[in-house]
Amino acid sequence: MRIVTLSPHLAELVFAAGAGRQLVGVVEYSNFPVAARRLPRVGDAFRVDAEAIATLRPDLILGWPSGNSQELLDRLRRLGYRVVDLEPRTLADIGRHIRVIGAAAGTQAVAGRAADEWDSGLAGLRQRYGSLAPVRVFYQIGTEPLVTATGRHFIGEAIRLCGGTNIFESVPGLTPVVSQEFVIAAAPEAIIAADYAPGPASAADASPLQMWRSWPGLPANRYDGLFVLDPDLLNIPGPRMLSGIGQLCASIDVVRQKQGARASSPPTTQ
């Protein structure tokens, strides 16, 4: 079985399923695990070179409908390739997709263990955090423009799993562009940003959170609720998300604990 993946997260899933040795081609930014960096590139998730794919003679192509054009996927099928579309809509889909890849590649045992680990890890986080006091959360994917995740996105599901209330839960779509004014009006108690910029998060010129620090009345500032996370751990739907969701839950819980501490503090006297 010779496999080509058309999204970085699909390469991660192939390795998680125990089929890394069968992976012969990937797209740009497929950099985890390290072995994926050495594989031939066939373009990127949005522009794929069909001729480069042909030279690799794949038996199976894993596609990502949200990023790959339907025209490309249909063309590859017309050329005779077996194309399987894997679109992660929910967190449970990640474990399911690992099993699908394992079944296709003949690595069911390894894939089953990886999927079970994913499922049990999610269940553990849900049990620990899911029923705790709610915290209003704004998750910031990008700053220019300001992009977030709605409740329909797997990141929105992760926020719910952590006991958070996404301030954009019911907005249509998956990753809308939003305004700073709307975020401020929604008064989030925690703002969690994907930190794509190099350098320490505390540096004014590097932090994606700098725009919020000039609003001292924002609840997220009152509760020290500004956090950055490695985007590779939460924005890429693969097994590493367990670590990212754990960090997300822990960040939200910091705010929750500070709220509890303030509520239990005795009133001050003049």
C-alpha atoms as a PDB file:
ATOM      1  CA  MET A   1       0.000   0.000   0.000  1.00  0.00           C
ATOM      2  CA  ARG A   2       1.450   3.341  -1.122  1.00  0.00           C
ATOM      3  CA  ILE A   3      -0.323   6.330   0.449  1.00  0.00           C
ATOM      4  CA  VAL A   4      -0.351  10.039  -0.405  1.00  0.00           C
ATOM      5  CA  THR A   5      -1.954  12.570   1.943  1.00  0.00           C
ATOM      6  CA  LEU A   6      -3.323  15.943   0.839  1.00  0.00           C
ATOM      7  CA  SER A   7      -3.292  17.705   4.234  1.00  0.00           C
ATOM      8  CA  PRO A   8      -0.713  17.913   7.056  1.00  0.00           C
ATOM      9  CA  HIS A   9      -3.152  16.505   9.596  1.00  0.00           C
ATOM     10  CA  LEU A  10      -3.735  13.439   7.418  1.00  0.00           C
ATOM     11  CA  ALA A  11      -0.021  12.669   7.443  1.00  0.00           C
ATOM     12  CA  GLU A  12      -0.113  12.746  11.250  1.00  0.00           C
ATOM     13  CA  LEU A  13      -3.059  10.364  11.254  1.00  0.00           C
ATOM     14  CA  VAL A  14      -1.280   7.937   8.931  1.00  0.00           C
ATOM     15  CA  PHE A  15       1.680   7.749  11.281  1.00  0.00           C
ATOM     16  CA  ALA A  16      -0.643   7.403  14.282  1.00  0.00           C
ATOM     17  CA  ALA A  17      -2.331   4.487  12.533  1.00  0.00           C
ATOM     18  CA  GLY A  18       1.013   2.718  12.202  1.00  0.00           C
ATOM     19  CA  ALA A  19       1.225   3.209   8.428  1.00  0.00           C
ATOM     20  CA  GLY A  20       4.027   5.765   8.287  1.00  0.00           C
ATOM     21  CA  ARG A  21       6.276   3.444   6.269  1.00  0.00           C
ATOM     22  CA  GLN A  22       3.592   3.267   3.587  1.00  0.00           C
ATOM     23  CA  LEU A  23       3.336   7.039   3.238  1.00  0.00           C
ATOM     24  CA  VAL A  24       5.141   8.076   0.040  1.00  0.00           C
ATOM     25  CA  GLY A  25       3.959  11.663  -0.518  1.00  0.00           C
ATOM     26  CA  VAL A  26       2.618  14.600   1.479  1.00  0.00           C
ATOM     27  CA  VAL A  27       1.790  18.299   1.041  1.00  0.00           C
ATOM     28  CA  GLU A  28       3.679  21.313   2.379  1.00  0.00           C
ATOM     29  CA  TYR A  29       3.714  21.909   6.152  1.00  0.00           C
ATOM     30  CA  SER A  30       3.530  18.181   6.848  1.00  0.00           C
ATOM     31  CA  ASN A  31       6.178  18.390   9.550  1.00  0.00           C
ATOM     32  CA  PHE A  32       5.040  15.960  12.256  1.00  0.00           C
ATOM     33  CA  PRO A  33       6.375  13.511  13.075  1.00  0.00           C
ATOM     34  CA  VAL A  34       9.912  14.293  11.964  1.00  0.00           C
ATOM     35  CA  ALA A  35       9.844  11.462   9.413  1.00  0.00           C
ATOM     36  CA  ALA A  36       7.099  13.312   7.506  1.00  0.00           C
ATOM     37  CA  ARG A  37       9.491  16.177   6.741  1.00  0.00           C
ATOM     38  CA  ARG A  38      11.646  13.925   4.550  1.00  0.00           C
ATOM     39  CA  LEU A  39       8.836  12.788   2.260  1.00  0.00           C
ATOM     40  CA  PRO A  40       8.258  14.126  -1.285  1.00  0.00           C
ATOM     41  CA  ARG A  41       5.891  17.098  -1.591  1.00  0.00           C
ATOM     42  CA  VAL A  42       3.035  17.121  -4.080  1.00  0.00           C
ATOM     43  CA  GLY A  43       1.990  20.742  -3.551  1.00  0.00           C
ATOM     44  CA  ASP A  44       0.047  22.176  -0.646  1.00  0.00           C
ATOM     45  CA  ALA A  45      -3.418  21.495   0.734  1.00  0.00           C
ATOM     46  CA  PHE A  46      -4.987  23.981  -1.687  1.00  0.00           C
ATOM     47  CA  ARG A  47      -2.889  23.430  -4.851  1.00  0.00           C
ATOM     48  CA  VAL A  48      -1.848  19.872  -5.666  1.00  0.00           C
ATOM     49  CA  ASP A  49       0.351  18.770  -8.578  1.00  0.00           C
ATOM     50  CA  ALA A  50      -1.305  15.747 -10.200  1.00  0.00           C
ATOM     51  CA  GLU A  51       1.892  14.958 -12.136  1.00  0.00           C
ATOM     52  CA  ALA A  52       3.886  14.800  -8.904  1.00  0.00           C
ATOM     53  CA  ILE A  53       1.301  12.388  -7.539  1.00  0.00           C
ATOM     54  CA  ALA A  54       1.574  10.211 -10.653  1.00  0.00           C
ATOM     55  CA  THR A  55       5.308   9.724 -10.137  1.00  0.00           C
ATOM     56  CA  LEU A  56       4.639   8.300  -6.663  1.00  0.00           C
ATOM     57  CA  ARG A  57       2.191   5.637  -7.967  1.00  0.00           C
ATOM     58  CA  PRO A  58      -0.118   5.735  -4.919  1.00  0.00           C
ATOM     59  CA  ASP A  59      -2.617   2.997  -4.156  1.00  0.00           C
ATOM     60  CA  LEU A  60      -4.539   5.305  -1.834  1.00  0.00           C
ATOM     61  CA  ILE A  61      -4.928   9.096  -1.664  1.00  0.00           C
ATOM     62  CA  LEU A  62      -6.373  10.626   1.478  1.00  0.00           C
ATOM     63  CA  GLY A  63      -8.190  13.877   0.743  1.00  0.00           C
ATOM     64  CA  TRP A  64      -9.399  16.772   2.863  1.00  0.00           C
ATOM     65  CA  PRO A  65     -12.556  18.257   1.310  1.00  0.00           C
ATOM     66  CA  SER A  66     -12.384  21.520   3.277  1.00  0.00           C
ATOM     67  CA  GLY A  67      -8.982  22.329   1.819  1.00  0.00           C
ATOM     68  CA  ASN A  68      -8.706  20.327  -1.402  1.00  0.00           C
ATOM     69  CA  SER A  69     -10.999  21.457  -4.176  1.00  0.00           C
ATOM     70  CA  GLN A  70     -13.778  19.102  -5.196  1.00  0.00           C
ATOM     71  CA  GLU A  71     -12.559  19.499  -8.776  1.00  0.00           C
ATOM     72  CA  LEU A  72      -9.144  18.119  -7.788  1.00  0.00           C
ATOM     73  CA  LEU A  73     -10.570  15.172  -5.853  1.00  0.00           C
ATOM     74  CA  ASP A  74     -12.934  14.301  -8.719  1.00  0.00           C
ATOM     75  CA  ARG A  75     -10.092  14.584 -11.233  1.00  0.00           C
ATOM     76  CA  LEU A  76      -7.915  12.197  -9.225  1.00  0.00           C
ATOM     77  CA  ARG A  77     -10.768   9.701  -9.150  1.00  0.00           C
ATOM     78  CA  ARG A  78     -11.236   9.993 -12.910  1.00  0.00           C
ATOM     79  CA  LEU A  79      -7.525   9.248 -13.299  1.00  0.00           C
ATOM     80  CA  GLY A  80      -8.154   5.937 -11.564  1.00  0.00           C
ATOM     81  CA  TYR A  81      -6.864   6.645  -8.076  1.00  0.00           C
ATOM     82  CA  ARG A  82      -8.616   5.404  -4.981  1.00  0.00           C
ATOM     83  CA  VAL A  83      -9.424   8.603  -3.056  1.00  0.00           C
ATOM     84  CA  VAL A  84     -10.852   8.526   0.465  1.00  0.00           C
ATOM     85  CA  ASP A  85     -12.173  11.804   1.883  1.00  0.00           C
ATOM     86  CA  LEU A  86     -11.561  12.331   5.592  1.00  0.00           C
ATOM     87  CA  GLU A  87     -13.200  15.490   6.950  1.00  0.00           C
ATOM     88  CA  PRO A  88     -12.874  15.952  10.747  1.00  0.00           C
ATOM     89  CA  ARG A  89     -16.149  17.484  11.884  1.00  0.00           C
ATOM     90  CA  THR A  90     -15.994  16.359  15.506  1.00  0.00           C
ATOM     91  CA  LEU A  91     -13.341  15.286  17.992  1.00  0.00           C
ATOM     92  CA  ALA A  92     -14.631  11.708  17.775  1.00  0.00           C
ATOM     93  CA  ASP A  93     -13.854  11.749  14.049  1.00  0.00           C
ATOM     94  CA  ILE A  94     -10.132  11.798  14.803  1.00  0.00           C
ATOM     95  CA  GLY A  95     -10.234   8.378  16.430  1.00  0.00           C
ATOM     96  CA  ARG A  96     -12.587   7.115  13.730  1.00  0.00           C
ATOM     97  CA  HIS A  97     -10.277   8.329  10.955  1.00  0.00           C
ATOM     98  CA  ILE A  98      -7.289   6.595  12.547  1.00  0.00           C
ATOM     99  CA  ARG A  99      -9.261   3.347  12.421  1.00  0.00           C
ATOM    100  CA  VAL A 100     -10.270   3.942   8.786  1.00  0.00           C
ATOM    101  CA  ILE A 101      -6.639   4.444   7.792  1.00  0.00           C
ATOM    102  CA  GLY A 102      -5.545   1.388   9.755  1.00  0.00           C
ATOM    103  CA  ALA A 103      -8.160  -0.751   8.008  1.00  0.00           C
ATOM    104  CA  ALA A 104      -7.033   0.489   4.585  1.00  0.00           C
ATOM    105  CA  ALA A 105      -3.326   0.045   5.322  1.00  0.00           C
ATOM    106  CA  GLY A 106      -3.556  -3.280   7.130  1.00  0.00           C
ATOM    107  CA  THR A 107      -2.365  -1.831  10.439  1.00  0.00           C
ATOM    108  CA  GLN A 108      -5.601  -2.326  12.371  1.00  0.00           C
ATOM    109  CA  ALA A 109      -3.926  -3.364  15.627  1.00  0.00           C
ATOM    110  CA  VAL A 110      -1.748  -0.274  15.923  1.00  0.00           C
ATOM    111  CA  ALA A 111      -4.543   1.984  14.722  1.00  0.00           C
ATOM    112  CA  GLY A 112      -6.994   0.480  17.177  1.00  0.00           C
ATOM    113  CA  ARG A 113      -4.680   1.137  20.110  1.00  0.00           C
ATOM    114  CA  ALA A 114      -4.065   4.728  18.982  1.00  0.00           C
ATOM    115  CA  ALA A 115      -7.777   5.351  18.508  1.00  0.00           C
ATOM    116  CA  ASP A 116      -8.604   3.844  21.893  1.00  0.00           C
ATOM    117  CA  GLU A 117      -5.998   6.081  23.514  1.00  0.00           C
ATOM    118  CA  TRP A 118      -7.562   9.098  21.817  1.00  0.00           C
ATOM    119  CA  ASP A 119     -11.084   8.143  22.876  1.00  0.00           C
ATOM    120  CA  SER A 120     -10.126   7.426  26.491  1.00  0.00           C
ATOM    121  CA  GLY A 121      -8.091  10.633  26.700  1.00  0.00           C
ATOM    122  CA  LEU A 122     -11.075  12.694  25.550  1.00  0.00           C
ATOM    123  CA  ALA A 123     -13.358  10.899  27.989  1.00  0.00           C
ATOM    124  CA  GLY A 124     -10.977  11.616  30.852  1.00  0.00           C
ATOM    125  CA  LEU A 125     -10.802  15.321  30.071  1.00  0.00           C
ATOM    126  CA  ARG A 126     -14.582  15.528  29.674  1.00  0.00           C
ATOM    127  CA  GLN A 127     -15.138  13.808  33.003  1.00  0.00           C
ATOM    128  CA  ARG A 128     -12.669  16.093  34.774  1.00  0.00           C
ATOM    129  CA  TYR A 129     -13.753  19.458  33.367  1.00  0.00           C
ATOM    130  CA  GLY A 130     -17.061  19.146  31.546  1.00  0.00           C
ATOM    131  CA  SER A 131     -19.397  19.696  34.503  1.00  0.00           C
ATOM    132  CA  LEU A 132     -17.472  22.506  36.210  1.00  0.00           C
ATOM    133  CA  ALA A 133     -18.685  26.098  36.435  1.00  0.00           C
ATOM    134  CA  PRO A 134     -18.864  27.681  32.963  1.00  0.00           C
ATOM    135  CA  VAL A 135     -16.313  30.279  31.841  1.00  0.00           C
ATOM    136  CA  ARG A 136     -16.912  32.591  28.868  1.00  0.00           C
ATOM    137  CA  VAL A 137     -14.174  31.952  26.312  1.00  0.00           C
ATOM    138  CA  PHE A 138     -12.925  33.652  23.159  1.00  0.00           C
ATOM    139  CA  TYR A 139     -10.604  31.495  21.065  1.00  0.00           C
ATOM    140  CA  GLN A 140      -8.430  33.515  18.696  1.00  0.00           C
ATOM    141  CA  ILE A 141      -7.121  31.657  15.667  1.00  0.00           C
ATOM    142  CA  GLY A 142      -5.622  34.690  13.924  1.00  0.00           C
ATOM    143  CA  THR A 143      -5.222  38.400  14.548  1.00  0.00           C
ATOM    144  CA  GLU A 144      -5.204  40.046  11.094  1.00  0.00           C
ATOM    145  CA  PRO A 145      -7.976  39.422  10.387  1.00  0.00           C
ATOM    146  CA  LEU A 146      -9.397  38.437  13.760  1.00  0.00           C
ATOM    147  CA  VAL A 147     -10.598  34.855  13.265  1.00  0.00           C
ATOM    148  CA  THR A 148     -12.274  32.522  15.727  1.00  0.00           C
ATOM    149  CA  ALA A 149     -13.955  29.098  15.861  1.00  0.00           C
ATOM    150  CA  THR A 150     -17.689  28.586  16.275  1.00  0.00           C
ATOM    151  CA  GLY A 151     -19.503  25.838  18.112  1.00  0.00           C
ATOM    152  CA  ARG A 152     -19.643  23.778  14.910  1.00  0.00           C
ATOM    153  CA  HIS A 153     -15.829  23.582  14.758  1.00  0.00           C
ATOM    154  CA  PHE A 154     -13.922  20.865  16.608  1.00  0.00           C
ATOM    155  CA  ILE A 155     -12.186  23.633  18.588  1.00  0.00           C
ATOM    156  CA  GLY A 156     -15.619  24.816  19.687  1.00  0.00           C
ATOM    157  CA  GLU A 157     -16.345  21.266  20.797  1.00  0.00           C
ATOM    158  CA  ALA A 158     -13.084  21.267  22.753  1.00  0.00           C
ATOM    159  CA  ILE A 159     -14.142  24.454  24.541  1.00  0.00           C
ATOM    160  CA  ARG A 160     -17.419  22.790  25.583  1.00  0.00           C
ATOM    161  CA  LEU A 161     -15.546  19.685  26.708  1.00  0.00           C
ATOM    162  CA  CYS A 162     -13.486  21.922  29.016  1.00  0.00           C
ATOM    163  CA  GLY A 163     -16.591  23.460  30.548  1.00  0.00           C
ATOM    164  CA  GLY A 164     -16.183  26.695  28.609  1.00  0.00           C
ATOM    165  CA  THR A 165     -18.864  28.785  26.925  1.00  0.00           C
ATOM    166  CA  ASN A 166     -17.727  29.930  23.500  1.00  0.00           C
ATOM    167  CA  ILE A 167     -18.877  33.533  22.955  1.00  0.00           C
ATOM    168  CA  PHE A 168     -19.244  32.671  19.243  1.00  0.00           C
ATOM    169  CA  GLU A 169     -20.925  29.314  19.856  1.00  0.00           C
ATOM    170  CA  SER A 170     -24.014  29.942  17.733  1.00  0.00           C
ATOM    171  CA  VAL A 171     -22.508  32.045  14.930  1.00  0.00           C
ATOM    172  CA  PRO A 172     -22.938  30.414  11.477  1.00  0.00           C
ATOM    173  CA  GLY A 173     -19.967  28.803   9.799  1.00  0.00           C
ATOM    174  CA  LEU A 174     -16.782  27.340  11.216  1.00  0.00           C
ATOM    175  CA  THR A 175     -14.086  30.042  11.363  1.00  0.00           C
ATOM    176  CA  PRO A 176     -15.662  33.487  10.919  1.00  0.00           C
ATOM    177  CA  VAL A 177     -13.879  36.826  10.885  1.00  0.00           C
ATOM    178  CA  VAL A 178     -15.082  38.851  13.884  1.00  0.00           C
ATOM    179  CA  SER A 179     -14.600  42.361  15.232  1.00  0.00           C
ATOM    180  CA  GLN A 180     -12.652  43.438  18.285  1.00  0.00           C
ATOM    181  CA  GLU A 181     -15.647  45.493  19.381  1.00  0.00           C
ATOM    182  CA  PHE A 182     -17.910  42.442  19.401  1.00  0.00           C
ATOM    183  CA  VAL A 183     -15.418  40.475  21.484  1.00  0.00           C
ATOM    184  CA  ILE A 184     -15.157  43.288  24.040  1.00  0.00           C
ATOM    185  CA  ALA A 185     -18.946  43.596  24.216  1.00  0.00           C
ATOM    186  CA  ALA A 186     -19.250  39.838  24.838  1.00  0.00           C
ATOM    187  CA  ALA A 187     -16.963  40.215  27.891  1.00  0.00           C
ATOM    188  CA  PRO A 188     -15.005  36.946  27.710  1.00  0.00           C
ATOM    189  CA  GLU A 189     -13.437  35.782  30.961  1.00  0.00           C
ATOM    190  CA  ALA A 190     -10.708  33.864  29.123  1.00  0.00           C
ATOM    191  CA  ILE A 191      -9.037  34.736  25.818  1.00  0.00           C
ATOM    192  CA  ILE A 192      -6.938  31.951  24.357  1.00  0.00           C
ATOM    193  CA  ALA A 193      -4.859  32.647  21.277  1.00  0.00           C
ATOM    194  CA  ALA A 194      -2.993  30.438  18.848  1.00  0.00           C
ATOM    195  CA  ASP A 195       0.552  31.824  18.986  1.00  0.00           C
ATOM    196  CA  TYR A 196       1.973  31.696  15.467  1.00  0.00           C
ATOM    197  CA  ALA A 197       4.562  34.404  16.162  1.00  0.00           C
ATOM    198  CA  PRO A 198       8.037  33.479  17.371  1.00  0.00           C
ATOM    199  CA  GLY A 199       9.294  34.820  20.652  1.00  0.00           C
ATOM    200  CA  PRO A 200       7.929  34.945  24.202  1.00  0.00           C
ATOM    201  CA  ALA A 201       4.222  35.488  24.617  1.00  0.00           C
ATOM    202  CA  SER A 202       4.868  38.316  27.060  1.00  0.00           C
ATOM    203  CA  ALA A 203       6.730  40.440  24.519  1.00  0.00           C
ATOM    204  CA  ALA A 204       4.500  43.238  23.239  1.00  0.00           C
ATOM    205  CA  ASP A 205       5.740  42.871  19.682  1.00  0.00           C
ATOM    206  CA  ALA A 206       5.265  39.104  19.598  1.00  0.00           C
ATOM    207  CA  SER A 207       2.127  38.410  21.587  1.00  0.00           C
ATOM    208  CA  PRO A 208      -1.159  37.858  19.747  1.00  0.00           C
ATOM    209  CA  LEU A 209      -2.839  39.000  22.965  1.00  0.00           C
ATOM    210  CA  GLN A 210      -1.425  42.507  23.009  1.00  0.00           C
ATOM    211  CA  MET A 211      -4.604  44.060  21.566  1.00  0.00           C
ATOM    212  CA  TRP A 212      -6.575  42.995  24.651  1.00  0.00           C
ATOM    213  CA  ARG A 213      -4.213  44.303  27.321  1.00  0.00           C
ATOM    214  CA  SER A 214      -5.296  47.909  26.772  1.00  0.00           C
ATOM    215  CA  TRP A 215      -8.792  47.071  28.067  1.00  0.00           C
ATOM    216  CA  PRO A 216      -8.390  46.725  31.867  1.00  0.00           C
ATOM    217  CA  GLY A 217     -12.144  46.389  32.357  1.00  0.00           C
ATOM    218  CA  LEU A 218     -12.242  43.241  30.241  1.00  0.00           C
ATOM    219  CA  PRO A 219     -13.056  40.272  32.514  1.00  0.00           C
ATOM    220  CA  ALA A 220     -10.211  38.290  30.917  1.00  0.00           C
ATOM    221  CA  ASN A 221      -7.791  40.916  32.238  1.00  0.00           C
ATOM    222  CA  ARG A 222      -9.363  40.997  35.696  1.00  0.00           C
ATOM    223  CA  TYR A 223      -8.953  37.235  36.020  1.00  0.00           C
ATOM    224  CA  ASP A 224      -5.501  37.080  34.374  1.00  0.00           C
ATOM    225  CA  GLY A 225      -7.252  35.070  31.705  1.00  0.00           C
ATOM    226  CA  LEU A 226      -5.013  35.734  28.684  1.00  0.00           C
ATOM    227  CA  PHE A 227      -3.318  32.588  27.396  1.00  0.00           C
ATOM    228  CA  VAL A 228      -1.427  31.432  24.316  1.00  0.00           C
ATOM    229  CA  LEU A 229      -1.275  27.887  22.988  1.00  0.00           C
ATOM    230  CA  ASP A 230       0.864  26.207  20.366  1.00  0.00           C
ATOM    231  CA  PRO A 231      -1.414  26.143  17.302  1.00  0.00           C
ATOM    232  CA  ASP A 232      -0.051  22.763  16.217  1.00  0.00           C
ATOM    233  CA  LEU A 233      -1.537  21.265  19.392  1.00  0.00           C
ATOM    234  CA  LEU A 234      -5.070  22.525  18.906  1.00  0.00           C
ATOM    235  CA  ASN A 235      -5.664  23.689  15.341  1.00  0.00           C
ATOM    236  CA  ILE A 236      -4.452  20.485  13.650  1.00  0.00           C
ATOM    237  CA  PRO A 237      -6.944  17.623  14.124  1.00  0.00           C
ATOM    238  CA  GLY A 238      -4.574  14.849  15.098  1.00  0.00           C
ATOM    239  CA  PRO A 239      -3.525  12.905  18.202  1.00  0.00           C
ATOM    240  CA  ARG A 240      -1.473  15.845  19.519  1.00  0.00           C
ATOM    241  CA  MET A 241      -4.773  17.603  20.176  1.00  0.00           C
ATOM    242  CA  LEU A 242      -5.085  15.653  23.426  1.00  0.00           C
ATOM    243  CA  SER A 243      -2.198  17.705  24.773  1.00  0.00           C
ATOM    244  CA  GLY A 244      -3.657  20.902  23.331  1.00  0.00           C
ATOM    245  CA  ILE A 245      -7.124  20.273  24.765  1.00  0.00           C
ATOM    246  CA  GLY A 246      -5.530  19.491  28.120  1.00  0.00           C
ATOM    247  CA  GLN A 247      -3.775  22.871  28.037  1.00  0.00           C
ATOM    248  CA  LEU A 248      -6.994  24.566  26.929  1.00  0.00           C
ATOM    249  CA  CYS A 249      -8.909  23.015  29.840  1.00  0.00           C
ATOM    250  CA  ALA A 250      -6.169  23.922  32.311  1.00  0.00           C
ATOM    251  CA  SER A 251      -6.170  27.546  31.095  1.00  0.00           C
ATOM    252  CA  ILE A 252      -9.928  27.836  31.466  1.00  0.00           C
ATOM    253  CA  ASP A 253      -9.692  26.253  34.908  1.00  0.00           C
ATOM    254  CA  VAL A 254      -7.181  28.901  36.031  1.00  0.00           C
ATOM    255  CA  VAL A 255      -9.881  31.529  35.461  1.00  0.00           C
ATOM    256  CA  ARG A 256     -12.495  29.358  37.147  1.00  0.00           C
ATOM    257  CA  GLN A 257     -10.348  29.000  40.242  1.00  0.00           C
ATOM    258  CA  LYS A 258      -9.656  32.731  40.407  1.00  0.00           C
ATOM    259  CA  GLN A 259     -13.359  33.441  40.141  1.00  0.00           C
ATOM    260  CA  GLY A 260     -13.980  31.035  43.006  1.00  0.00           C
ATOM    261  CA  ALA A 261     -11.252  32.595  45.107  1.00  0.00           C
ATOM    262  CA  ARG A 262     -12.723  36.074  44.625  1.00  0.00           C
ATOM    263  CA  ALA A 263     -16.202  34.877  45.428  1.00  0.00           C
ATOM    264  CA  SER A 264     -15.051  33.283  48.685  1.00  0.00           C
ATOM    265  CA  SER A 265     -12.900  36.221  49.797  1.00  0.00           C
ATOM    266  CA  PRO A 266     -14.330  38.210  52.720  1.00  0.00           C
ATOM    267  CA  PRO A 267     -15.386  41.766  51.903  1.00  0.00           C
ATOM    268  CA  THR A 268     -12.885  44.477  52.693  1.00  0.00           C
ATOM    269  CA  THR A 269     -13.707  47.232  55.159  1.00  0.00           C
ATOM    270  CA  GLN A 270     -12.891  50.896  54.819  1.00  0.00           C
END
